[in-house]
C-alpha cells in the first residue's frame, strides 16, 4: 500500500474484528504502532497478535465502550503505551438494529457517546502531534434508515459531531473526517449473517449495489488511511461514502 505511517501512533476503538480489524492491520502494515480495544478478550488478543507480526508496538485493552469510566481508563493507557497519539479511529457500534428502547440506548451509548468520550480523552495528545480523528459512520446516517432507525440516527449524529469537532479544532492543526461505509461483507459480520439467515434481505440489498457486490473491510480501511495520511493534509470536516455507488 502507498502509505507510510512509520513511527506514528494509532488507536482504533472497536478494532478486534471486521472493519476495525482491517483498519488496525492496515496501519500496522504501513509501519504504525497500534492499540485496539473492544469487549471480547479472545478476539482482541487474536488481532493484537496479528498486528504484532508487523514488528511494531501492538497494544490491546479490553474496554466496554458504552462505559465512560472504561474509556477514561483505556485511552490514557493506550497513549502511554504507544508513547503518544497521531490518529484516533472511532469505529465501535452498538448495532441498535430495531426501534426499541434497548437499541436506542446501545446506539447512543456506543455509536455517539463513545465517539465523544474517546475524542475528548485523546484531544491533548492529538493537539501535541497535530494529529487527526476518523469517525466511522454509515450510509444509514446519510439516507433514511427505516429498517434500523436507532442505528441510522446515531450514525447521523456521528456525522454532525465530526463536522463540529473539525470546526472546533482546525486552528490547533487537528483534522477530523468521517467515513460512511455502505454494505460491507466480512466473515462473522452482519451481512455474512444475513446471507446465511435472511437471503431475501441480503439479495435485495445486493441488487441495490451497482457494482454487483458488497464492499470489503479492507476497502474501507484504505480510505481511512488516506484520510489519516499527509495526502489528505487539507481535508477536514468531510464525510466520505465508501459504498460502490449503493443506492444510485
Protein backbone atom coordinates (compact mmCIF):
# COMPACT_ATOMS: atom_id res chain seq x y z
CA UNK A 1 0.00 0.00 0.00
CA UNK A 2 1.25 3.53 -0.76
CA UNK A 3 1.13 4.69 2.85
CA UNK A 4 3.98 5.29 5.27
CA UNK A 5 2.96 5.57 8.92
CA UNK A 6 6.34 4.66 10.32
CA UNK A 7 6.65 5.99 13.87
CA UNK A 8 3.00 7.06 14.03
CA UNK A 9 0.76 6.08 16.94
CA UNK A 10 -2.77 4.88 16.18
CA UNK A 11 -5.74 3.93 18.37
CA UNK A 12 -8.66 2.01 16.86
CA UNK A 13 -11.69 1.83 19.13
CA UNK A 14 -13.64 -1.24 18.16
CA UNK A 15 -10.61 -2.79 16.48
CA UNK A 16 -10.86 -6.52 17.06
CA UNK A 17 -12.90 -7.63 14.05
CA UNK A 18 -14.34 -6.58 10.71
CA UNK A 19 -13.72 -3.00 9.60
CA UNK A 20 -11.83 -2.09 12.79
CA UNK A 21 -9.51 -5.07 12.43
CA UNK A 22 -8.80 -4.21 8.79
CA UNK A 23 -8.01 -0.60 9.77
CA UNK A 24 -5.69 -1.68 12.59
CA UNK A 25 -3.84 -4.18 10.39
CA UNK A 26 -3.55 -1.65 7.56
CA UNK A 27 -1.89 0.91 9.82
CA UNK A 28 0.41 -1.73 11.34
CA UNK A 29 1.44 -2.99 7.90
CA UNK A 30 2.31 0.60 7.00
CA UNK A 31 4.63 0.99 9.99
CA UNK A 32 2.44 2.35 12.78
CA UNK A 33 2.30 1.37 16.44
CA UNK A 34 -1.31 0.38 17.06
CA UNK A 35 -3.63 -0.01 20.03
CA UNK A 36 -7.06 -1.59 19.74
CA UNK A 37 -9.92 -2.02 22.16
CA UNK A 38 -13.16 -3.99 22.28
CA UNK A 39 -15.05 -6.12 24.79
CA UNK A 40 -14.08 -9.61 23.62
CA UNK A 41 -10.73 -10.59 25.14
CA UNK A 42 -10.30 -13.55 22.80
CA UNK A 43 -10.88 -11.56 19.59
CA UNK A 44 -8.71 -8.73 20.90
CA UNK A 45 -5.74 -10.98 21.58
CA UNK A 46 -6.07 -12.69 18.21
CA UNK A 47 -5.99 -9.35 16.38
CA UNK A 48 -3.26 -7.96 18.64
CA UNK A 49 -1.10 -10.98 17.70
CA UNK A 50 -1.73 -10.28 14.01
CA UNK A 51 -0.73 -6.63 14.49
CA UNK A 52 2.45 -7.61 16.32
CA UNK A 53 3.62 -9.70 13.35
CA UNK A 54 4.45 -6.48 11.53
CA UNK A 55 7.14 -5.76 14.12
CA UNK A 56 5.74 -2.64 15.77
CA UNK A 57 4.08 -1.93 19.10
CA UNK A 58 0.79 -3.80 19.41
CA UNK A 59 -1.39 -2.94 22.39
CA UNK A 60 -4.88 -4.19 23.21
CA UNK A 61 -7.21 -3.17 26.01
CA UNK A 62 -10.48 -4.77 26.99
CA UNK A 63 -12.95 -1.90 27.08
CA UNK A 64 -16.72 -1.63 27.18
CA UNK A 65 -17.15 1.44 25.01
CA UNK A 66 -20.58 2.07 26.48
CA UNK A 67 -18.81 2.91 29.76
CA UNK A 68 -17.42 6.39 30.38
CA UNK A 69 -15.12 5.02 33.10
CA UNK A 70 -13.76 2.29 30.83
CA UNK A 71 -12.90 4.79 28.08
CA UNK A 72 -11.31 7.14 30.62
CA UNK A 73 -9.01 4.27 31.61
CA UNK A 74 -8.28 2.76 28.21
CA UNK A 75 -7.37 5.87 26.19
CA UNK A 76 -4.69 7.20 28.60
CA UNK A 77 -3.28 3.67 28.99
CA UNK A 78 -3.06 3.27 25.23
CA UNK A 79 -1.44 6.69 24.74
CA UNK A 80 1.11 5.93 27.45
CA UNK A 81 1.94 2.53 25.97
CA UNK A 82 2.25 3.87 22.43
CA UNK A 83 4.21 6.92 23.54
CA UNK A 84 1.80 9.44 22.06
CA UNK A 85 -1.07 9.59 19.59
CA UNK A 86 -1.33 10.66 15.95
CA UNK A 87 -4.56 9.03 14.79
CA UNK A 88 -7.76 8.12 16.61
CA UNK A 89 -10.28 5.94 14.77
CA UNK A 90 -13.73 5.72 16.36
CA UNK A 91 -15.20 2.57 14.85
CA UNK A 92 -17.35 1.00 17.57
CA UNK A 93 -21.07 0.44 17.15
CA UNK A 94 -23.82 -0.82 19.39
CA UNK A 95 -25.68 -2.06 16.28
CA UNK A 96 -29.08 -0.88 17.51
CA UNK A 97 -31.00 -2.61 14.75
CA UNK A 98 -34.56 -2.11 15.92
CA UNK A 99 -36.79 0.66 17.27
CA UNK A 100 -36.97 -0.47 20.90
CA UNK A 101 -35.53 1.23 23.97
CA UNK A 102 -32.54 -1.11 24.16
CA UNK A 103 -31.47 -0.40 20.58
CA UNK A 104 -31.68 3.35 21.12
CA UNK A 105 -29.64 3.11 24.32
CA UNK A 106 -26.99 0.95 22.66
CA UNK A 107 -26.75 3.29 19.68
CA UNK A 108 -26.49 6.43 21.77
CA UNK A 109 -24.03 4.95 24.28
CA UNK A 110 -21.68 3.22 21.84
CA UNK A 111 -22.02 4.94 18.47
CA UNK A 112 -22.40 8.50 19.77
CA UNK A 113 -21.12 8.87 23.33
CA UNK A 114 -18.13 6.55 22.88
CA UNK A 115 -17.05 8.70 19.94
CA UNK A 116 -17.44 11.85 22.03
CA UNK A 117 -15.65 10.41 25.05
CA UNK A 118 -12.74 8.83 23.19
CA UNK A 119 -12.21 12.05 21.22
CA UNK A 120 -12.27 14.11 24.40
CA UNK A 121 -9.77 11.82 26.16
CA UNK A 122 -7.46 11.91 23.13
CA UNK A 123 -7.53 15.62 22.42
CA UNK A 124 -4.48 16.73 24.41
CA UNK A 125 -2.28 14.11 22.75
CA UNK A 126 -3.68 14.92 19.31
CA UNK A 127 -3.01 18.63 19.82
CA UNK A 128 0.59 17.79 20.68
CA UNK A 129 1.03 15.79 17.46
CA UNK A 130 -1.33 17.83 15.26
CA UNK A 131 -2.99 14.51 14.62
CA UNK A 132 -6.36 13.56 13.33
CA UNK A 133 -9.59 11.72 14.05
CA UNK A 134 -11.51 9.50 11.68
CA UNK A 135 -15.02 8.53 12.73
CA UNK A 136 -16.80 5.58 11.16
CA UNK A 137 -20.46 6.32 10.45
CA UNK A 138 -22.65 4.58 7.85
CA UNK A 139 -24.68 5.20 4.76
CA UNK A 140 -27.62 4.72 7.14
CA UNK A 141 -26.66 8.04 8.72
CA UNK A 142 -26.96 9.85 5.38
CA UNK A 143 -30.23 8.49 3.98
CA UNK A 144 -33.45 7.43 5.75
CA UNK A 145 -32.99 4.26 7.78
CA UNK A 146 -36.48 2.78 8.07
CA UNK A 147 -35.27 -0.73 8.92
CA UNK A 148 -32.71 0.41 11.52
CA UNK A 149 -33.88 3.79 12.91
CA UNK A 150 -31.75 3.86 16.07
CA UNK A 151 -28.58 2.88 14.22
CA UNK A 152 -29.22 5.39 11.44
CA UNK A 153 -29.98 8.26 13.81
CA UNK A 154 -26.84 7.54 15.84
CA UNK A 155 -24.66 7.50 12.74
CA UNK A 156 -26.22 10.78 11.60
CA UNK A 157 -25.21 12.22 14.98
CA UNK A 158 -21.64 10.96 14.42
CA UNK A 159 -21.58 12.76 11.06
CA UNK A 160 -22.75 16.02 12.65
CA UNK A 161 -20.27 15.66 15.52
CA UNK A 162 -17.44 15.07 13.02
CA UNK A 163 -18.08 18.44 11.44
CA UNK A 164 -18.41 20.12 14.83
CA UNK A 165 -15.08 18.71 16.04
CA UNK A 166 -13.40 19.67 12.79
CA UNK A 167 -14.57 23.28 13.13
CA UNK A 168 -13.62 23.46 16.79
CA UNK A 169 -10.06 22.14 16.41
CA UNK A 170 -8.90 23.20 12.94
CA UNK A 171 -6.80 26.07 14.33
CA UNK A 172 -4.95 23.55 16.51
CA UNK A 173 -3.97 21.65 13.35
CA UNK A 174 -6.25 18.70 14.05
CA UNK A 175 -8.18 17.24 11.13
CA UNK A 176 -11.45 15.37 11.72
CA UNK A 177 -13.16 13.36 8.99
CA UNK A 178 -15.76 10.65 8.70
CA UNK A 179 -16.11 7.52 6.57
CA UNK A 180 -19.62 6.28 5.82
CA UNK A 181 -19.47 2.68 4.57
CA UNK A 182 -22.24 1.08 2.61
CA UNK A 183 -22.95 -2.64 2.92
CA UNK A 184 -19.67 -4.29 3.89
CA UNK A 185 -19.38 -8.08 3.96
CA UNK A 186 -16.81 -9.96 6.04
CA UNK A 187 -16.73 -13.28 7.94
CA UNK A 188 -18.80 -13.06 11.11
CA UNK A 189 -20.31 -9.71 10.13
CA UNK A 190 -23.90 -8.58 9.74
CA UNK A 191 -24.11 -9.27 6.00
CA UNK A 192 -22.48 -12.68 6.29
CA UNK A 193 -25.18 -13.48 8.84
CA UNK A 194 -27.93 -12.10 6.61
CA UNK A 195 -26.62 -14.13 3.67
CA UNK A 196 -27.00 -17.30 5.71
CA UNK A 197 -30.17 -16.49 7.65
CA UNK A 198 -32.08 -13.87 5.66
CA UNK A 199 -31.19 -14.41 1.99
CA UNK A 200 -34.14 -12.33 0.78
CA UNK A 201 -32.82 -9.21 2.54
CA UNK A 202 -29.25 -9.99 1.51
CA UNK A 203 -30.18 -10.40 -2.16
CA UNK A 204 -32.37 -7.28 -2.17
CA UNK A 205 -29.51 -5.25 -0.74
CA UNK A 206 -27.03 -6.76 -3.18
CA UNK A 207 -29.33 -5.82 -6.05
CA UNK A 208 -29.01 -2.20 -4.87
CA UNK A 209 -25.22 -2.30 -5.33
CA UNK A 210 -24.41 -1.11 -8.91
CA UNK A 211 -21.01 -2.82 -8.86
CA UNK A 212 -22.67 -6.18 -8.27
CA UNK A 213 -21.07 -6.90 -4.92
CA UNK A 214 -20.80 -5.63 -1.37
CA UNK A 215 -17.67 -3.92 -0.17
CA UNK A 216 -14.80 -5.34 1.86
CA UNK A 217 -13.44 -4.19 5.20
CA UNK A 218 -10.08 -3.55 3.54
CA UNK A 219 -11.66 -1.12 1.07
CA UNK A 220 -12.95 0.94 3.99
CA UNK A 221 -9.55 0.74 5.70
CA UNK A 222 -7.77 2.16 2.64
CA UNK A 223 -9.95 5.27 2.69
CA UNK A 224 -9.39 5.72 6.44
CA UNK A 225 -5.65 5.51 5.90
CA UNK A 226 -5.78 8.05 3.09
CA UNK A 227 -7.65 10.49 5.32
CA UNK A 228 -5.06 9.99 8.08
CA UNK A 229 -2.13 10.46 5.70
CA UNK A 230 -0.32 13.60 4.51
CA UNK A 231 -2.01 13.06 1.14
CA UNK A 232 -5.16 14.42 2.80
CA UNK A 233 -3.41 17.28 4.61
CA UNK A 234 -6.07 19.84 3.60
CA UNK A 235 -9.07 17.57 4.04
CA UNK A 236 -11.19 18.07 7.13
CA UNK A 237 -14.90 18.01 8.08
CA UNK A 238 -15.61 15.66 5.18
CA UNK A 239 -17.93 12.65 5.00
CA UNK A 240 -16.58 10.08 2.55
CA UNK A 241 -19.05 7.44 1.40
CA UNK A 242 -17.43 4.07 0.64
CA UNK A 243 -20.35 2.29 -0.96
CA UNK A 244 -19.66 1.34 -4.58
CA UNK A 245 -22.48 3.63 -5.68
CA UNK A 246 -25.02 1.85 -3.49
CA UNK A 247 -28.44 3.47 -3.68
CA UNK A 248 -27.90 5.22 -7.02
